[in-house]
Amino acid sequence: MMSQQPAGLTDWIAFLGRAEIPVLAHTVRELERLHENEAQLNARAVADVVTDDPLMTVKLLRYMQMHKHRNQTHELVDVKQTLLMMGLDTFFREVPPTPIAEDMLQEHRAALVYLLHTVRRAQRSAYYAFDWALRLHDMHAEEVQVSALLTHMSEMLMWCFSPERMLEIQRLQAADRTMRSADAQKLVLGFAGLELQRQLTVAWRLPELLRNLTDPALARSTRVRNVMLAANLARHSAQGWHDAALPDDFDEIAALLHMNPNKVMALVKAGPSIT
């Protein structure tokens, strides 16, 4: 763990831009398994592993955006296409699955638990958002999936690189249930997590949809609503299907998908089966 933390938002942006983004231990094991088995090694199999880990996903996309060709103007949001473009040999050589998040947080077990809970919410968000994008005949469903997966990217990075401060934020909110997350973050970090997320998304040239999530003028667009409703549903259902906010979620999802709220409730409860 770092002996000296970056002082403020600008320093954190600079630090994270240079840092090796950690990945999950499960991702390391699965990529090693594929790398050692040529019969199973292909872009689709690797993409499935990468997109199950939001940290590995942003690690890959950041690398590609920082190394894309001068004549490449379109965004890279489809992980499988990204892997086909760069080649699997280059991927394993230039974007190694290191360091490992669990190793970084071995002395901060509480922080690791929070990180893994956040990852699980991201996985659920991506599952829901991708499913709804397909139902809405979105021609760029992969961008919706990746954007939902990375909605809490900055929070995950801060759990990895600043676990003690993140735990202090949790303690403040536990002591005062009325304290907003942004207020607690400003007290401890000096800035709100949403602003860190926004600036990293711009600095790393991540999917436009991810940037649009922080633009109030686009809040009612179908794709932004899809991602935000998926994130809300994943958060509210994290502890089961009894949260008081869920009925409103079902109504809003029903309006998005033009479905009956009861059918939406049955649909979302049927998946995802992420443990």
Protein backbone atom coordinates (compact mmCIF):
# COMPACT_ATOMS: atom_id res chain seq x y z
CA MET A 1 0.00 0.00 0.00
CA MET A 2 1.18 3.53 -0.77
CA SER A 3 3.03 5.25 2.05
CA GLN A 4 1.98 8.69 0.76
CA GLN A 5 -1.44 9.27 -0.75
CA PRO A 6 -2.10 11.77 -3.57
CA ALA A 7 -3.20 15.09 -2.09
CA GLY A 8 -6.29 15.94 -4.12
CA LEU A 9 -8.37 15.24 -7.22
CA THR A 10 -5.74 16.42 -9.73
CA ASP A 11 -3.07 14.32 -8.06
CA TRP A 12 -5.34 11.28 -7.98
CA ILE A 13 -6.09 11.63 -11.70
CA ALA A 14 -2.37 11.77 -12.44
CA PHE A 15 -1.57 8.88 -10.10
CA LEU A 16 -4.29 6.58 -11.45
CA GLY A 17 -3.23 7.42 -15.00
CA ARG A 18 0.21 5.96 -14.24
CA ALA A 19 -0.85 3.14 -11.91
CA GLU A 20 -1.11 -0.49 -12.89
CA ILE A 21 -4.80 -1.25 -12.49
CA PRO A 22 -5.27 -4.40 -10.38
CA VAL A 23 -7.49 -7.29 -11.41
CA LEU A 24 -9.34 -10.00 -9.54
CA ALA A 25 -7.64 -13.27 -8.62
CA HIS A 26 -10.36 -15.23 -10.41
CA THR A 27 -9.53 -13.34 -13.62
CA VAL A 28 -5.85 -14.25 -13.29
CA ARG A 29 -6.69 -17.95 -12.86
CA GLU A 30 -9.08 -18.00 -15.81
CA LEU A 31 -6.71 -16.18 -18.16
CA GLU A 32 -3.85 -18.48 -17.19
CA ARG A 33 -6.08 -21.49 -17.85
CA LEU A 34 -6.99 -20.20 -21.31
CA HIS A 35 -3.42 -19.22 -22.13
CA GLU A 36 -2.23 -22.72 -21.36
CA ASN A 37 -4.96 -24.43 -23.41
CA GLU A 38 -4.72 -23.58 -27.10
CA ALA A 39 -7.89 -25.54 -27.86
CA GLN A 40 -9.94 -23.13 -25.75
CA LEU A 41 -7.98 -19.95 -26.44
CA ASN A 42 -9.92 -17.53 -28.65
CA ALA A 43 -11.08 -13.93 -28.51
CA ARG A 44 -14.59 -14.79 -27.34
CA ALA A 45 -13.37 -16.90 -24.42
CA VAL A 46 -10.90 -14.22 -23.33
CA ALA A 47 -13.54 -11.49 -23.74
CA ASP A 48 -15.93 -13.41 -21.48
CA VAL A 49 -13.28 -13.49 -18.75
CA VAL A 50 -12.36 -9.82 -19.20
CA THR A 51 -15.94 -8.54 -19.11
CA ASP A 52 -16.66 -10.45 -15.93
CA ASP A 53 -14.10 -8.22 -14.20
CA PRO A 54 -14.72 -4.44 -14.37
CA LEU A 55 -11.13 -3.75 -13.30
CA MET A 56 -9.68 -5.90 -16.10
CA THR A 57 -12.12 -4.32 -18.56
CA VAL A 58 -11.03 -0.76 -17.79
CA LYS A 59 -7.39 -1.87 -17.76
CA LEU A 60 -7.77 -3.17 -21.33
CA LEU A 61 -9.79 -0.20 -22.62
CA ARG A 62 -7.39 2.31 -21.07
CA TYR A 63 -4.44 0.58 -22.72
CA MET A 64 -6.11 0.50 -26.13
CA GLN A 65 -7.22 4.13 -26.02
CA MET A 66 -3.70 5.22 -25.06
CA HIS A 67 -2.16 3.14 -27.86
CA LYS A 68 -4.70 3.43 -30.66
CA HIS A 69 -3.57 4.30 -34.17
CA ARG A 70 -3.65 7.88 -35.34
CA ASN A 71 -6.24 7.12 -38.03
CA GLN A 72 -8.55 5.29 -35.60
CA THR A 73 -11.41 7.65 -34.80
CA HIS A 74 -14.10 5.34 -33.43
CA GLU A 75 -14.32 4.34 -29.78
CA LEU A 76 -13.38 0.86 -28.63
CA VAL A 77 -16.21 -0.49 -26.52
CA ASP A 78 -16.63 -4.10 -27.69
CA VAL A 79 -14.07 -6.15 -25.77
CA LYS A 80 -14.09 -9.02 -28.26
CA GLN A 81 -13.45 -6.67 -31.20
CA THR A 82 -10.74 -4.94 -29.18
CA LEU A 83 -9.00 -8.26 -28.60
CA LEU A 84 -9.29 -9.21 -32.27
CA MET A 85 -7.80 -5.83 -33.23
CA MET A 86 -4.80 -6.07 -30.92
CA GLY A 87 -4.29 -9.85 -31.11
CA LEU A 88 -4.20 -12.24 -28.18
CA ASP A 89 -0.40 -12.43 -28.12
CA THR A 90 -0.23 -8.66 -27.69
CA PHE A 91 -2.96 -8.75 -25.05
CA PHE A 92 -1.15 -11.27 -22.87
CA ARG A 93 2.16 -9.48 -23.32
CA GLU A 94 1.07 -5.83 -22.96
CA VAL A 95 -1.94 -6.07 -20.62
CA PRO A 96 -0.87 -8.66 -18.04
CA PRO A 97 -3.39 -9.45 -15.27
CA THR A 98 -1.28 -7.91 -12.51
CA PRO A 99 -1.29 -6.79 -9.76
CA ILE A 100 -3.95 -8.82 -7.99
CA ALA A 101 -6.52 -6.87 -5.97
CA GLU A 102 -6.82 -9.52 -3.28
CA ASP A 103 -3.04 -9.36 -2.70
CA MET A 104 -3.09 -5.58 -2.50
CA LEU A 105 -5.78 -5.70 0.17
CA GLN A 106 -4.57 -8.68 2.18
CA GLU A 107 -4.04 -6.41 5.20
CA HIS A 108 -7.38 -4.66 4.64
CA ARG A 109 -9.91 -7.47 4.61
CA ALA A 110 -12.88 -5.19 5.30
CA ALA A 111 -11.94 -3.08 2.28
CA LEU A 112 -11.65 -6.21 0.14
CA VAL A 113 -15.18 -7.21 1.13
CA TYR A 114 -16.48 -3.80 0.08
CA LEU A 115 -14.55 -4.03 -3.19
CA LEU A 116 -15.98 -7.45 -4.02
CA HIS A 117 -19.51 -6.27 -3.19
CA THR A 118 -19.03 -3.34 -5.57
CA VAL A 119 -17.73 -5.68 -8.28
CA ARG A 120 -20.74 -7.93 -7.87
CA ARG A 121 -23.12 -4.96 -8.23
CA ALA A 122 -21.25 -3.97 -11.38
CA GLN A 123 -21.59 -7.48 -12.80
CA ARG A 124 -25.32 -7.48 -12.10
CA SER A 125 -25.71 -4.00 -13.59
CA ALA A 126 -23.96 -5.10 -16.78
CA TYR A 127 -26.12 -8.22 -17.05
CA TYR A 128 -29.36 -6.27 -16.72
CA ALA A 129 -28.30 -3.40 -18.97
CA PHE A 130 -27.14 -5.73 -21.76
CA ASP A 131 -30.36 -7.77 -21.60
CA TRP A 132 -32.50 -4.65 -21.77
CA ALA A 133 -30.42 -3.19 -24.59
CA LEU A 134 -31.09 -6.33 -26.63
CA ARG A 135 -34.81 -6.10 -25.86
CA LEU A 136 -34.74 -2.48 -27.04
CA HIS A 137 -32.93 -3.52 -30.25
CA ASP A 138 -29.96 -1.30 -29.37
CA MET A 139 -27.40 -1.66 -32.15
CA HIS A 140 -24.58 -1.00 -29.68
CA ALA A 141 -25.59 -3.20 -26.76
CA GLU A 142 -21.93 -3.90 -25.93
CA GLU A 143 -21.35 -0.22 -25.13
CA VAL A 144 -24.34 -0.31 -22.78
CA GLN A 145 -22.96 -3.44 -21.12
CA VAL A 146 -19.46 -2.00 -20.65
CA SER A 147 -20.79 1.34 -19.42
CA ALA A 148 -22.92 -0.38 -16.79
CA LEU A 149 -19.96 -2.54 -15.77
CA LEU A 150 -17.79 0.56 -15.25
CA THR A 151 -20.38 2.76 -13.52
CA HIS A 152 -18.53 2.41 -10.20
CA MET A 153 -15.03 2.19 -11.68
CA SER A 154 -13.57 5.03 -9.59
CA GLU A 155 -14.97 3.55 -6.37
CA MET A 156 -13.31 0.20 -7.10
CA LEU A 157 -9.99 1.89 -7.81
CA MET A 158 -10.16 3.86 -4.57
CA TRP A 159 -10.89 0.69 -2.59
CA CYS A 160 -7.73 -0.80 -4.09
CA PHE A 161 -5.43 2.21 -3.67
CA SER A 162 -6.87 4.02 -0.65
CA PRO A 163 -8.66 1.44 1.53
CA GLU A 164 -8.15 3.27 4.82
CA ARG A 165 -9.76 6.47 3.56
CA MET A 166 -12.61 4.54 1.97
CA LEU A 167 -13.25 2.74 5.26
CA GLU A 168 -13.28 6.11 7.02
CA ILE A 169 -16.01 7.25 4.61
CA GLN A 170 -18.00 4.14 5.53
CA ARG A 171 -17.55 4.88 9.25
CA LEU A 172 -18.78 8.45 8.82
CA GLN A 173 -21.91 7.32 7.05
CA ALA A 174 -22.53 4.54 9.56
CA ALA A 175 -22.36 7.12 12.37
CA ASP A 176 -24.71 9.50 10.55
CA ARG A 177 -27.26 7.72 8.35
CA THR A 178 -28.40 11.06 6.90
CA MET A 179 -24.94 11.90 5.50
CA ARG A 180 -24.78 11.76 1.72
CA SER A 181 -21.97 9.77 0.13
CA ALA A 182 -20.65 12.82 -1.72
CA ASP A 183 -20.45 14.83 1.51
CA ALA A 184 -18.54 12.07 3.30
CA GLN A 185 -16.20 11.70 0.34
CA LYS A 186 -15.45 15.43 0.29
CA LEU A 187 -14.69 15.40 4.01
CA VAL A 188 -12.22 12.51 3.73
CA LEU A 189 -10.85 12.79 0.19
CA GLY A 190 -11.45 16.44 -0.61
CA PHE A 191 -13.60 15.61 -3.65
CA ALA A 192 -16.69 13.62 -4.59
CA GLY A 193 -16.32 10.18 -6.13
CA LEU A 194 -18.63 11.18 -9.00
CA GLU A 195 -16.19 13.90 -10.04
CA LEU A 196 -13.30 11.42 -9.99
CA GLN A 197 -15.36 9.05 -12.13
CA ARG A 198 -16.19 11.82 -14.60
CA GLN A 199 -12.61 13.03 -14.97
CA LEU A 200 -11.16 9.53 -15.34
CA THR A 201 -13.72 8.73 -18.02
CA VAL A 202 -12.65 11.80 -19.98
CA ALA A 203 -8.90 11.39 -19.36
CA TRP A 204 -8.91 7.74 -20.41
CA ARG A 205 -11.30 8.33 -23.34
CA LEU A 206 -13.71 5.67 -22.15
CA PRO A 207 -17.09 5.04 -23.85
CA GLU A 208 -19.13 8.16 -24.56
CA LEU A 209 -22.14 6.61 -22.85
CA LEU A 210 -20.15 6.44 -19.60
CA ARG A 211 -19.49 10.17 -19.88
CA ASN A 212 -23.14 10.85 -20.65
CA LEU A 213 -24.21 9.34 -17.32
CA THR A 214 -22.99 12.49 -15.54
CA ASP A 215 -24.72 14.91 -17.93
CA PRO A 216 -28.12 16.02 -16.55
CA ALA A 217 -29.20 17.09 -20.04
CA LEU A 218 -29.05 13.44 -21.17
CA ALA A 219 -30.70 11.90 -18.11
CA ARG A 220 -33.87 10.97 -20.02
CA SER A 221 -32.16 9.38 -23.02
CA THR A 222 -32.99 5.70 -23.41
CA ARG A 223 -29.43 4.44 -23.14
CA VAL A 224 -28.58 6.54 -20.08
CA ARG A 225 -31.82 5.46 -18.40
CA ASN A 226 -31.00 1.83 -19.20
CA VAL A 227 -27.60 2.00 -17.48
CA MET A 228 -28.80 4.03 -14.50
CA LEU A 229 -31.84 1.82 -13.89
CA ALA A 230 -29.65 -1.28 -14.11
CA ALA A 231 -27.25 0.23 -11.55
CA ASN A 232 -30.14 1.19 -9.27
CA LEU A 233 -31.68 -2.27 -9.48
CA ALA A 234 -28.35 -3.96 -8.71
CA ARG A 235 -27.83 -1.69 -5.70
CA HIS A 236 -31.35 -1.99 -4.29
CA SER A 237 -31.48 -5.79 -4.74
CA ALA A 238 -27.99 -6.44 -3.36
CA GLN A 239 -29.38 -7.71 -0.05
CA GLY A 240 -32.47 -9.40 -1.47
CA TRP A 241 -35.80 -8.40 -2.97
CA HIS A 242 -37.21 -6.53 0.03
CA ASP A 243 -35.78 -3.02 -0.44
CA ALA A 244 -38.45 -0.31 -0.31
CA ALA A 245 -37.08 1.31 -3.47
CA LEU A 246 -37.60 -1.77 -5.67
CA PRO A 247 -41.29 -1.15 -6.59
CA ASP A 248 -40.31 2.22 -8.06
CA ASP A 249 -37.43 0.52 -9.90
CA PHE A 250 -39.82 -2.01 -11.42
CA ASP A 251 -42.19 0.77 -12.56
CA GLU A 252 -39.37 2.73 -14.21
CA ILE A 253 -37.92 -0.36 -15.90
CA ALA A 254 -41.41 -1.25 -17.11
CA ALA A 255 -41.71 2.20 -18.69
CA LEU A 256 -38.31 1.76 -20.35
CA LEU A 257 -39.12 -1.67 -21.76
CA HIS A 258 -42.83 -1.01 -22.40
CA MET A 259 -43.76 -3.95 -20.20
CA ASN A 260 -46.08 -4.62 -17.29
CA PRO A 261 -44.30 -3.99 -13.92
CA ASN A 262 -45.24 -7.48 -12.71
CA LYS A 263 -43.61 -9.02 -15.77
CA VAL A 264 -40.52 -6.88 -15.16
CA MET A 265 -40.36 -8.10 -11.57
CA ALA A 266 -40.51 -11.73 -12.71
CA LEU A 267 -37.95 -11.05 -15.43
CA VAL A 268 -35.31 -9.48 -13.21
CA LYS A 269 -35.78 -11.96 -10.38
CA ALA A 270 -35.02 -14.78 -12.82
CA GLY A 271 -31.46 -13.50 -13.27
CA PRO A 272 -28.60 -12.90 -13.14
CA SER A 273 -27.31 -15.97 -11.35
CA ILE A 274 -24.07 -14.37 -10.11
CA THR A 275 -22.72 -15.65 -6.80
